[in-house]
Amino acid sequence: MVGNFIGLWIVYLLFIILAFFGMGAMGFPDETLWNLVSQAAFFSLMTCIYIKLTELHAKQKDIEKKLDALLSQQNPPVSDQLEPSSPDKPQD
């Protein structure tokens, strides 16, 4: 997750620096850059959290499928079980 965070932060930072130079030409103050850098870190953190949650959701679905397969092997359907013979019936 740390690698994803650093990589995404660099990508977002590059876009923000390009945007900053465009905004600097219009006369924005210099402290705007630090606000944009912190926003890049925030967006990369949120993206990393989303990626991690997506991975966990995929693992959960995989575990649920495996559990369903194990449960279906353990408990066969009712139609596969033998019918119990009633003791009141005489056997031929």
PDB file of N, CA and C in Angstrom:
ATOM      1  N   MET A   1       0.827  -1.183   0.000  1.00  0.00           N
ATOM      2  CA  MET A   1       0.000   0.000   0.000  1.00  0.00           C
ATOM      3  C   MET A   1       0.874   1.251   0.000  1.00  0.00           C
ATOM      4  N   VAL A   2       2.017   1.180   0.649  1.00  0.00           N
ATOM      5  CA  VAL A   2       2.912   2.338   0.682  1.00  0.00           C
ATOM      6  C   VAL A   2       3.449   2.631  -0.710  1.00  0.00           C
ATOM      7  N   GLY A   3       3.760   1.588  -1.456  1.00  0.00           N
ATOM      8  CA  GLY A   3       4.240   1.786  -2.826  1.00  0.00           C
ATOM      9  C   GLY A   3       3.180   2.428  -3.702  1.00  0.00           C
ATOM     10  N   ASN A   4       1.947   1.973  -3.560  1.00  0.00           N
ATOM     11  CA  ASN A   4       0.849   2.591  -4.314  1.00  0.00           C
ATOM     12  C   ASN A   4       0.692   4.055  -3.930  1.00  0.00           C
ATOM     13  N   PHE A   5       0.791   4.345  -2.630  1.00  0.00           N
ATOM     14  CA  PHE A   5       0.624   5.714  -2.160  1.00  0.00           C
ATOM     15  C   PHE A   5       1.700   6.629  -2.747  1.00  0.00           C
ATOM     16  N   ILE A   6       2.952   6.188  -2.702  1.00  0.00           N
ATOM     17  CA  ILE A   6       4.047   7.017  -3.211  1.00  0.00           C
ATOM     18  C   ILE A   6       3.914   7.211  -4.719  1.00  0.00           C
ATOM     19  N   GLY A   7       3.599   6.147  -5.435  1.00  0.00           N
ATOM     20  CA  GLY A   7       3.443   6.265  -6.884  1.00  0.00           C
ATOM     21  C   GLY A   7       2.301   7.184  -7.278  1.00  0.00           C
ATOM     22  N   LEU A   8       1.165   7.019  -6.623  1.00  0.00           N
ATOM     23  CA  LEU A   8       0.025   7.882  -6.935  1.00  0.00           C
ATOM     24  C   LEU A   8       0.286   9.321  -6.528  1.00  0.00           C
ATOM     25  N   TRP A   9       0.981   9.515  -5.404  1.00  0.00           N
ATOM     26  CA  TRP A   9       1.276  10.869  -4.966  1.00  0.00           C
ATOM     27  C   TRP A   9       2.162  11.577  -5.974  1.00  0.00           C
ATOM     28  N   ILE A  10       3.131  10.855  -6.530  1.00  0.00           N
ATOM     29  CA  ILE A  10       4.009  11.450  -7.549  1.00  0.00           C
ATOM     30  C   ILE A  10       3.213  11.811  -8.791  1.00  0.00           C
ATOM     31  N   VAL A  11       2.332  10.931  -9.218  1.00  0.00           N
ATOM     32  CA  VAL A  11       1.517  11.225 -10.400  1.00  0.00           C
ATOM     33  C   VAL A  11       0.623  12.434 -10.153  1.00  0.00           C
ATOM     34  N   TYR A  12      -0.072  12.438  -9.035  1.00  0.00           N
ATOM     35  CA  TYR A  12      -0.932  13.580  -8.720  1.00  0.00           C
ATOM     36  C   TYR A  12      -0.095  14.856  -8.571  1.00  0.00           C
ATOM     37  N   LEU A  13       1.079  14.741  -7.974  1.00  0.00           N
ATOM     38  CA  LEU A  13       1.938  15.901  -7.779  1.00  0.00           C
ATOM     39  C   LEU A  13       2.385  16.483  -9.114  1.00  0.00           C
ATOM     40  N   LEU A  14       2.707  15.624 -10.069  1.00  0.00           N
ATOM     41  CA  LEU A  14       3.104  16.127 -11.388  1.00  0.00           C
ATOM     42  C   LEU A  14       1.974  16.910 -12.045  1.00  0.00           C
ATOM     43  N   PHE A  15       0.760  16.383 -11.943  1.00  0.00           N
ATOM     44  CA  PHE A  15      -0.375  17.109 -12.512  1.00  0.00           C
ATOM     45  C   PHE A  15      -0.604  18.434 -11.787  1.00  0.00           C
ATOM     46  N   ILE A  16      -0.420  18.420 -10.483  1.00  0.00           N
ATOM     47  CA  ILE A  16      -0.652  19.639  -9.708  1.00  0.00           C
ATOM     48  C   ILE A  16       0.415  20.690  -9.999  1.00  0.00           C
ATOM     49  N   ILE A  17       1.661  20.248 -10.162  1.00  0.00           N
ATOM     50  CA  ILE A  17       2.715  21.217 -10.489  1.00  0.00           C
ATOM     51  C   ILE A  17       2.448  21.851 -11.851  1.00  0.00           C
ATOM     52  N   LEU A  18       2.014  21.034 -12.807  1.00  0.00           N
ATOM     53  CA  LEU A  18       1.667  21.603 -14.113  1.00  0.00           C
ATOM     54  C   LEU A  18       0.519  22.600 -13.981  1.00  0.00           C
ATOM     55  N   ALA A  19      -0.471  22.250 -13.165  1.00  0.00           N
ATOM     56  CA  ALA A  19      -1.594  23.172 -12.960  1.00  0.00           C
ATOM     57  C   ALA A  19      -1.134  24.421 -12.214  1.00  0.00           C
ATOM     58  N   PHE A  20      -0.181  24.270 -11.298  1.00  0.00           N
ATOM     59  CA  PHE A  20       0.290  25.415 -10.535  1.00  0.00           C
ATOM     60  C   PHE A  20       0.985  26.430 -11.433  1.00  0.00           C
ATOM     61  N   PHE A  21       1.795  25.937 -12.368  1.00  0.00           N
ATOM     62  CA  PHE A  21       2.457  26.869 -13.274  1.00  0.00           C
ATOM     63  C   PHE A  21       1.443  27.615 -14.132  1.00  0.00           C
ATOM     64  N   GLY A  22       0.370  26.923 -14.499  1.00  0.00           N
ATOM     65  CA  GLY A  22      -0.683  27.607 -15.245  1.00  0.00           C
ATOM     66  C   GLY A  22      -1.392  28.631 -14.386  1.00  0.00           C
ATOM     67  N   MET A  23      -1.634  28.297 -13.108  1.00  0.00           N
ATOM     68  CA  MET A  23      -2.298  29.243 -12.211  1.00  0.00           C
ATOM     69  C   MET A  23      -1.356  30.372 -11.812  1.00  0.00           C
ATOM     70  N   GLY A  24      -0.047  30.076 -11.714  1.00  0.00           N
ATOM     71  CA  GLY A  24       0.927  31.101 -11.354  1.00  0.00           C
ATOM     72  C   GLY A  24       1.006  32.186 -12.405  1.00  0.00           C
ATOM     73  N   ALA A  25       0.777  31.836 -13.628  1.00  0.00           N
ATOM     74  CA  ALA A  25       0.780  32.833 -14.694  1.00  0.00           C
ATOM     75  C   ALA A  25      -0.401  33.786 -14.539  1.00  0.00           C
ATOM     76  N   MET A  26      -1.447  33.321 -13.841  1.00  0.00           N
ATOM     77  CA  MET A  26      -2.627  34.166 -13.639  1.00  0.00           C
ATOM     78  C   MET A  26      -2.512  34.977 -12.351  1.00  0.00           C
ATOM     79  N   GLY A  27      -1.471  34.748 -11.545  1.00  0.00           N
ATOM     80  CA  GLY A  27      -1.252  35.585 -10.378  1.00  0.00           C
ATOM     81  C   GLY A  27      -1.709  35.000  -9.061  1.00  0.00           C
ATOM     82  N   PHE A  28      -1.777  33.685  -8.922  1.00  0.00           N
ATOM     83  CA  PHE A  28      -2.120  33.085  -7.634  1.00  0.00           C
ATOM     84  C   PHE A  28      -0.936  33.201  -6.675  1.00  0.00           C
ATOM     85  N   PRO A  29      -1.192  33.301  -5.367  1.00  0.00           N
ATOM     86  CA  PRO A  29      -0.086  33.408  -4.403  1.00  0.00           C
ATOM     87  C   PRO A  29       0.696  32.099  -4.305  1.00  0.00           C
ATOM     88  N   ASP A  30       1.935  32.187  -3.784  1.00  0.00           N
ATOM     89  CA  ASP A  30       2.827  31.029  -3.729  1.00  0.00           C
ATOM     90  C   ASP A  30       2.382  29.968  -2.733  1.00  0.00           C
ATOM     91  N   GLU A  31       1.659  30.347  -1.684  1.00  0.00           N
ATOM     92  CA  GLU A  31       1.246  29.330  -0.708  1.00  0.00           C
ATOM     93  C   GLU A  31       0.203  28.374  -1.278  1.00  0.00           C
ATOM     94  N   THR A  32      -0.301  28.694  -2.441  1.00  0.00           N
ATOM     95  CA  THR A  32      -1.250  27.787  -3.097  1.00  0.00           C
ATOM     96  C   THR A  32      -0.590  26.461  -3.425  1.00  0.00           C
ATOM     97  N   LEU A  33       0.718  26.482  -3.735  1.00  0.00           N
ATOM     98  CA  LEU A  33       1.433  25.253  -4.070  1.00  0.00           C
ATOM     99  C   LEU A  33       1.382  24.262  -2.916  1.00  0.00           C
ATOM    100  N   TRP A  34       1.576  24.705  -1.677  1.00  0.00           N
ATOM    101  CA  TRP A  34       1.560  23.790  -0.538  1.00  0.00           C
ATOM    102  C   TRP A  34       0.164  23.216  -0.315  1.00  0.00           C
ATOM    103  N   ASN A  35      -0.839  23.995  -0.568  1.00  0.00           N
ATOM    104  CA  ASN A  35      -2.206  23.477  -0.475  1.00  0.00           C
ATOM    105  C   ASN A  35      -2.442  22.408  -1.529  1.00  0.00           C
ATOM    106  N   LEU A  36      -1.920  22.637  -2.708  1.00  0.00           N
ATOM    107  CA  LEU A  36      -2.100  21.655  -3.776  1.00  0.00           C
ATOM    108  C   LEU A  36      -1.301  20.379  -3.499  1.00  0.00           C
ATOM    109  N   VAL A  37      -0.120  20.517  -2.912  1.00  0.00           N
ATOM    110  CA  VAL A  37       0.679  19.334  -2.563  1.00  0.00           C
ATOM    111  C   VAL A  37      -0.048  18.499  -1.516  1.00  0.00           C
ATOM    112  N   SER A  38      -0.615  19.154  -0.524  1.00  0.00           N
ATOM    113  CA  SER A  38      -1.352  18.402   0.501  1.00  0.00           C
ATOM    114  C   SER A  38      -2.609  17.756  -0.093  1.00  0.00           C
ATOM    115  N   GLN A  39      -3.235  18.415  -1.035  1.00  0.00           N
ATOM    116  CA  GLN A  39      -4.390  17.810  -1.698  1.00  0.00           C
ATOM    117  C   GLN A  39      -3.974  16.603  -2.527  1.00  0.00           C
ATOM    118  N   ALA A  40      -2.797  16.661  -3.138  1.00  0.00           N
ATOM    119  CA  ALA A  40      -2.298  15.503  -3.894  1.00  0.00           C
ATOM    120  C   ALA A  40      -2.083  14.319  -2.965  1.00  0.00           C
ATOM    121  N   ALA A  41      -1.526  14.574  -1.788  1.00  0.00           N
ATOM    122  CA  ALA A  41      -1.318  13.495  -0.815  1.00  0.00           C
ATOM    123  C   ALA A  41      -2.661  12.926  -0.354  1.00  0.00           C
ATOM    124  N   PHE A  42      -3.623  13.790  -0.129  1.00  0.00           N
ATOM    125  CA  PHE A  42      -4.949  13.334   0.300  1.00  0.00           C
ATOM    126  C   PHE A  42      -5.613  12.481  -0.773  1.00  0.00           C
ATOM    127  N   PHE A  43      -5.567  12.929  -2.029  1.00  0.00           N
ATOM    128  CA  PHE A  43      -6.191  12.163  -3.107  1.00  0.00           C
ATOM    129  C   PHE A  43      -5.487  10.831  -3.327  1.00  0.00           C
ATOM    130  N   SER A  44      -4.170  10.810  -3.199  1.00  0.00           N
ATOM    131  CA  SER A  44      -3.467   9.534  -3.364  1.00  0.00           C
ATOM    132  C   SER A  44      -3.787   8.587  -2.217  1.00  0.00           C
ATOM    133  N   LEU A  45      -3.931   9.110  -1.003  1.00  0.00           N
ATOM    134  CA  LEU A  45      -4.320   8.262   0.131  1.00  0.00           C
ATOM    135  C   LEU A  45      -5.716   7.685  -0.085  1.00  0.00           C
ATOM    136  N   MET A  46      -6.654   8.499  -0.522  1.00  0.00           N
ATOM    137  CA  MET A  46      -8.014   8.015  -0.770  1.00  0.00           C
ATOM    138  C   MET A  46      -8.036   6.975  -1.897  1.00  0.00           C
ATOM    139  N   THR A  47      -7.212   7.175  -2.914  1.00  0.00           N
ATOM    140  CA  THR A  47      -7.144   6.199  -4.005  1.00  0.00           C
ATOM    141  C   THR A  47      -6.557   4.888  -3.515  1.00  0.00           C
ATOM    142  N   CYS A  48      -5.533   4.951  -2.668  1.00  0.00           N
ATOM    143  CA  CYS A  48      -4.936   3.728  -2.105  1.00  0.00           C
ATOM    144  C   CYS A  48      -5.939   2.976  -1.239  1.00  0.00           C
ATOM    145  N   ILE A  49      -6.691   3.698  -0.459  1.00  0.00           N
ATOM    146  CA  ILE A  49      -7.707   3.056   0.381  1.00  0.00           C
ATOM    147  C   ILE A  49      -8.752   2.379  -0.497  1.00  0.00           C
ATOM    148  N   TYR A  50      -9.152   3.030  -1.580  1.00  0.00           N
ATOM    149  CA  TYR A  50     -10.121   2.429  -2.497  1.00  0.00           C
ATOM    150  C   TYR A  50      -9.562   1.163  -3.132  1.00  0.00           C
ATOM    151  N   ILE A  51      -8.297   1.203  -3.540  1.00  0.00           N
ATOM    152  CA  ILE A  51      -7.671   0.020  -4.146  1.00  0.00           C
ATOM    153  C   ILE A  51      -7.626  -1.118  -3.135  1.00  0.00           C
ATOM    154  N   LYS A  52      -7.249  -0.814  -1.903  1.00  0.00           N
ATOM    155  CA  LYS A  52      -7.159  -1.851  -0.865  1.00  0.00           C
ATOM    156  C   LYS A  52      -8.534  -2.448  -0.562  1.00  0.00           C
ATOM    157  N   LEU A  53      -9.556  -1.604  -0.481  1.00  0.00           N
ATOM    158  CA  LEU A  53     -10.908  -2.114  -0.231  1.00  0.00           C
ATOM    159  C   LEU A  53     -11.406  -2.972  -1.380  1.00  0.00           C
ATOM    160  N   THR A  54     -11.047  -2.610  -2.604  1.00  0.00           N
ATOM    161  CA  THR A  54     -11.429  -3.416  -3.760  1.00  0.00           C
ATOM    162  C   THR A  54     -10.759  -4.786  -3.708  1.00  0.00           C
ATOM    163  N   GLU A  55      -9.466  -4.804  -3.323  1.00  0.00           N
ATOM    164  CA  GLU A  55      -8.769  -6.077  -3.186  1.00  0.00           C
ATOM    165  C   GLU A  55      -9.394  -6.944  -2.088  1.00  0.00           C
ATOM    166  N   LEU A  56      -9.718  -6.334  -0.972  1.00  0.00           N
ATOM    167  CA  LEU A  56     -10.333  -7.087   0.127  1.00  0.00           C
ATOM    168  C   LEU A  56     -11.699  -7.624  -0.266  1.00  0.00           C
ATOM    169  N   HIS A  57     -12.457  -6.853  -1.026  1.00  0.00           N
ATOM    170  CA  HIS A  57     -13.773  -7.307  -1.479  1.00  0.00           C
ATOM    171  C   HIS A  57     -13.631  -8.502  -2.415  1.00  0.00           C
ATOM    172  N   ALA A  58     -12.634  -8.470  -3.290  1.00  0.00           N
ATOM    173  CA  ALA A  58     -12.403  -9.595  -4.191  1.00  0.00           C
ATOM    174  C   ALA A  58     -11.999 -10.847  -3.408  1.00  0.00           C
ATOM    175  N   LYS A  59     -11.147 -10.675  -2.394  1.00  0.00           N
ATOM    176  CA  LYS A  59     -10.755 -11.819  -1.558  1.00  0.00           C
ATOM    177  C   LYS A  59     -11.962 -12.377  -0.804  1.00  0.00           C
ATOM    178  N   GLN A  60     -12.826 -11.496  -0.316  1.00  0.00           N
ATOM    179  CA  GLN A  60     -14.017 -11.937   0.411  1.00  0.00           C
ATOM    180  C   GLN A  60     -14.923 -12.748  -0.501  1.00  0.00           C
ATOM    181  N   LYS A  61     -15.125 -12.293  -1.735  1.00  0.00           N
ATOM    182  CA  LYS A  61     -15.962 -13.032  -2.682  1.00  0.00           C
ATOM    183  C   LYS A  61     -15.361 -14.402  -2.974  1.00  0.00           C
ATOM    184  N   ASP A  62     -14.019 -14.460  -3.113  1.00  0.00           N
ATOM    185  CA  ASP A  62     -13.354 -15.731  -3.380  1.00  0.00           C
ATOM    186  C   ASP A  62     -13.522 -16.686  -2.205  1.00  0.00           C
ATOM    187  N   ILE A  63     -13.371 -16.187  -0.996  1.00  0.00           N
ATOM    188  CA  ILE A  63     -13.537 -17.028   0.194  1.00  0.00           C
ATOM    189  C   ILE A  63     -14.987 -17.510   0.310  1.00  0.00           C
ATOM    190  N   GLU A  64     -15.946 -16.644  -0.015  1.00  0.00           N
ATOM    191  CA  GLU A  64     -17.356 -17.049   0.040  1.00  0.00           C
ATOM    192  C   GLU A  64     -17.646 -18.167  -0.962  1.00  0.00           C
ATOM    193  N   LYS A  65     -17.054 -18.081  -2.160  1.00  0.00           N
ATOM    194  CA  LYS A  65     -17.260 -19.136  -3.160  1.00  0.00           C
ATOM    195  C   LYS A  65     -16.667 -20.455  -2.682  1.00  0.00           C
ATOM    196  N   LYS A  66     -15.456 -20.386  -2.086  1.00  0.00           N
ATOM    197  CA  LYS A  66     -14.834 -21.609  -1.574  1.00  0.00           C
ATOM    198  C   LYS A  66     -15.655 -22.197  -0.430  1.00  0.00           C
ATOM    199  N   LEU A  67     -16.166 -21.342   0.434  1.00  0.00           N
ATOM    200  CA  LEU A  67     -16.980 -21.816   1.549  1.00  0.00           C
ATOM    201  C   LEU A  67     -18.276 -22.449   1.050  1.00  0.00           C
ATOM    202  N   ASP A  68     -18.908 -21.836   0.065  1.00  0.00           N
ATOM    203  CA  ASP A  68     -20.115 -22.424  -0.501  1.00  0.00           C
ATOM    204  C   ASP A  68     -19.831 -23.789  -1.124  1.00  0.00           C
ATOM    205  N   ALA A  69     -18.686 -23.926  -1.795  1.00  0.00           N
ATOM    206  CA  ALA A  69     -18.324 -25.210  -2.385  1.00  0.00           C
ATOM    207  C   ALA A  69     -18.098 -26.259  -1.302  1.00  0.00           C
ATOM    208  N   LEU A  70     -17.431 -25.879  -0.220  1.00  0.00           N
ATOM    209  CA  LEU A  70     -17.203 -26.830   0.874  1.00  0.00           C
ATOM    210  C   LEU A  70     -18.502 -27.233   1.555  1.00  0.00           C
ATOM    211  N   LEU A  71     -19.383 -26.268   1.751  1.00  0.00           N
ATOM    212  CA  LEU A  71     -20.660 -26.591   2.377  1.00  0.00           C
ATOM    213  C   LEU A  71     -21.527 -27.476   1.495  1.00  0.00           C
ATOM    214  N   SER A  72     -21.468 -27.266   0.202  1.00  0.00           N
ATOM    215  CA  SER A  72     -22.262 -28.113  -0.693  1.00  0.00           C
ATOM    216  C   SER A  72     -21.702 -29.531  -0.736  1.00  0.00           C
ATOM    217  N   GLN A  73     -20.398 -29.696  -0.540  1.00  0.00           N
ATOM    218  CA  GLN A  73     -19.817 -31.044  -0.494  1.00  0.00           C
ATOM    219  C   GLN A  73     -20.159 -31.736   0.828  1.00  0.00           C
ATOM    220  N   GLN A  74     -20.209 -30.975   1.890  1.00  0.00           N
ATOM    221  CA  GLN A  74     -20.455 -31.554   3.205  1.00  0.00           C
ATOM    222  C   GLN A  74     -21.909 -31.986   3.370  1.00  0.00           C
ATOM    223  N   ASN A  75     -22.845 -31.189   2.936  1.00  0.00           N
ATOM    224  CA  ASN A  75     -24.260 -31.492   3.068  1.00  0.00           C
ATOM    225  C   ASN A  75     -24.863 -31.748   1.686  1.00  0.00           C
ATOM    226  N   PRO A  76     -24.997 -33.025   1.298  1.00  0.00           N
ATOM    227  CA  PRO A  76     -25.599 -33.291  -0.012  1.00  0.00           C
ATOM    228  C   PRO A  76     -27.080 -32.913   0.012  1.00  0.00           C
ATOM    229  N   PRO A  77     -27.647 -32.642  -1.145  1.00  0.00           N
ATOM    230  CA  PRO A  77     -29.072 -32.289  -1.190  1.00  0.00           C
ATOM    231  C   PRO A  77     -29.942 -33.412  -0.631  1.00  0.00           C
ATOM    232  N   VAL A  78     -31.153 -33.095  -0.230  1.00  0.00           N
ATOM    233  CA  VAL A  78     -32.070 -34.052   0.400  1.00  0.00           C
ATOM    234  C   VAL A  78     -32.441 -35.165  -0.561  1.00  0.00           C
ATOM    235  N   SER A  79     -32.536 -34.891  -1.835  1.00  0.00           N
ATOM    236  CA  SER A  79     -32.956 -35.906  -2.802  1.00  0.00           C
ATOM    237  C   SER A  79     -31.906 -37.006  -2.960  1.00  0.00           C
ATOM    238  N   ASP A  80     -30.635 -36.724  -2.626  1.00  0.00           N
ATOM    239  CA  ASP A  80     -29.587 -37.730  -2.747  1.00  0.00           C
ATOM    240  C   ASP A  80     -29.570 -38.702  -1.572  1.00  0.00           C
ATOM    241  N   GLN A  81     -30.182 -38.330  -0.467  1.00  0.00           N
ATOM    242  CA  GLN A  81     -30.168 -39.195   0.709  1.00  0.00           C
ATOM    243  C   GLN A  81     -31.173 -40.334   0.520  1.00  0.00           C
ATOM    244  N   LEU A  82     -30.861 -41.455   1.188  1.00  0.00           N
ATOM    245  CA  LEU A  82     -31.756 -42.610   1.109  1.00  0.00           C
ATOM    246  C   LEU A  82     -33.016 -42.337   1.908  1.00  0.00           C
ATOM    247  N   GLU A  83     -34.135 -42.876   1.417  1.00  0.00           N
ATOM    248  CA  GLU A  83     -35.393 -42.694   2.135  1.00  0.00           C
ATOM    249  C   GLU A  83     -35.421 -43.665   3.311  1.00  0.00           C
ATOM    250  N   PRO A  84     -35.714 -43.186   4.477  1.00  0.00           N
ATOM    251  CA  PRO A  84     -35.761 -44.103   5.627  1.00  0.00           C
ATOM    252  C   PRO A  84     -36.989 -45.003   5.520  1.00  0.00           C
ATOM    253  N   SER A  85     -36.777 -46.242   5.831  1.00  0.00           N
ATOM    254  CA  SER A  85     -37.919 -47.169   5.784  1.00  0.00           C
ATOM    255  C   SER A  85     -38.665 -47.073   7.106  1.00  0.00           C
ATOM    256  N   SER A  86     -39.949 -47.100   7.016  1.00  0.00           N
ATOM    257  CA  SER A  86     -40.752 -46.970   8.229  1.00  0.00           C
ATOM    258  C   SER A  86     -40.863 -48.346   8.901  1.00  0.00           C
ATOM    259  N   PRO A  87     -40.766 -48.409  10.204  1.00  0.00           N
ATOM    260  CA  PRO A  87     -40.836 -49.702  10.899  1.00  0.00           C
ATOM    261  C   PRO A  87     -42.234 -50.289  10.885  1.00  0.00           C
ATOM    262  N   ASP A  88     -43.268 -49.488  10.595  1.00  0.00           N
ATOM    263  CA  ASP A  88     -44.644 -50.006  10.590  1.00  0.00           C
ATOM    264  C   ASP A  88     -44.916 -50.806   9.330  1.00  0.00           C
ATOM    265  N   LYS A  89     -44.173 -50.549   8.280  1.00  0.00           N
ATOM    266  CA  LYS A  89     -44.411 -51.245   7.017  1.00  0.00           C
ATOM    267  C   LYS A  89     -43.801 -52.639   7.055  1.00  0.00           C
ATOM    268  N   PRO A  90     -44.546 -53.601   6.678  1.00  0.00           N
ATOM    269  CA  PRO A  90     -43.929 -54.933   6.566  1.00  0.00           C
ATOM    270  C   PRO A  90     -43.048 -55.001   5.321  1.00  0.00           C
ATOM    271  N   GLN A  91     -41.918 -55.617   5.463  1.00  0.00           N
ATOM    272  CA  GLN A  91     -41.026 -55.748   4.317  1.00  0.00           C
ATOM    273  C   GLN A  91     -41.270 -57.070   3.641  1.00  0.00           C
ATOM    274  N   ASP A  92     -41.248 -57.048   2.331  1.00  0.00           N
ATOM    275  CA  ASP A  92     -41.516 -58.271   1.557  1.00  0.00           C
ATOM    276  C   ASP A  92     -40.265 -59.073   1.358  1.00  0.00           C
TER     277      ASP A  92
END
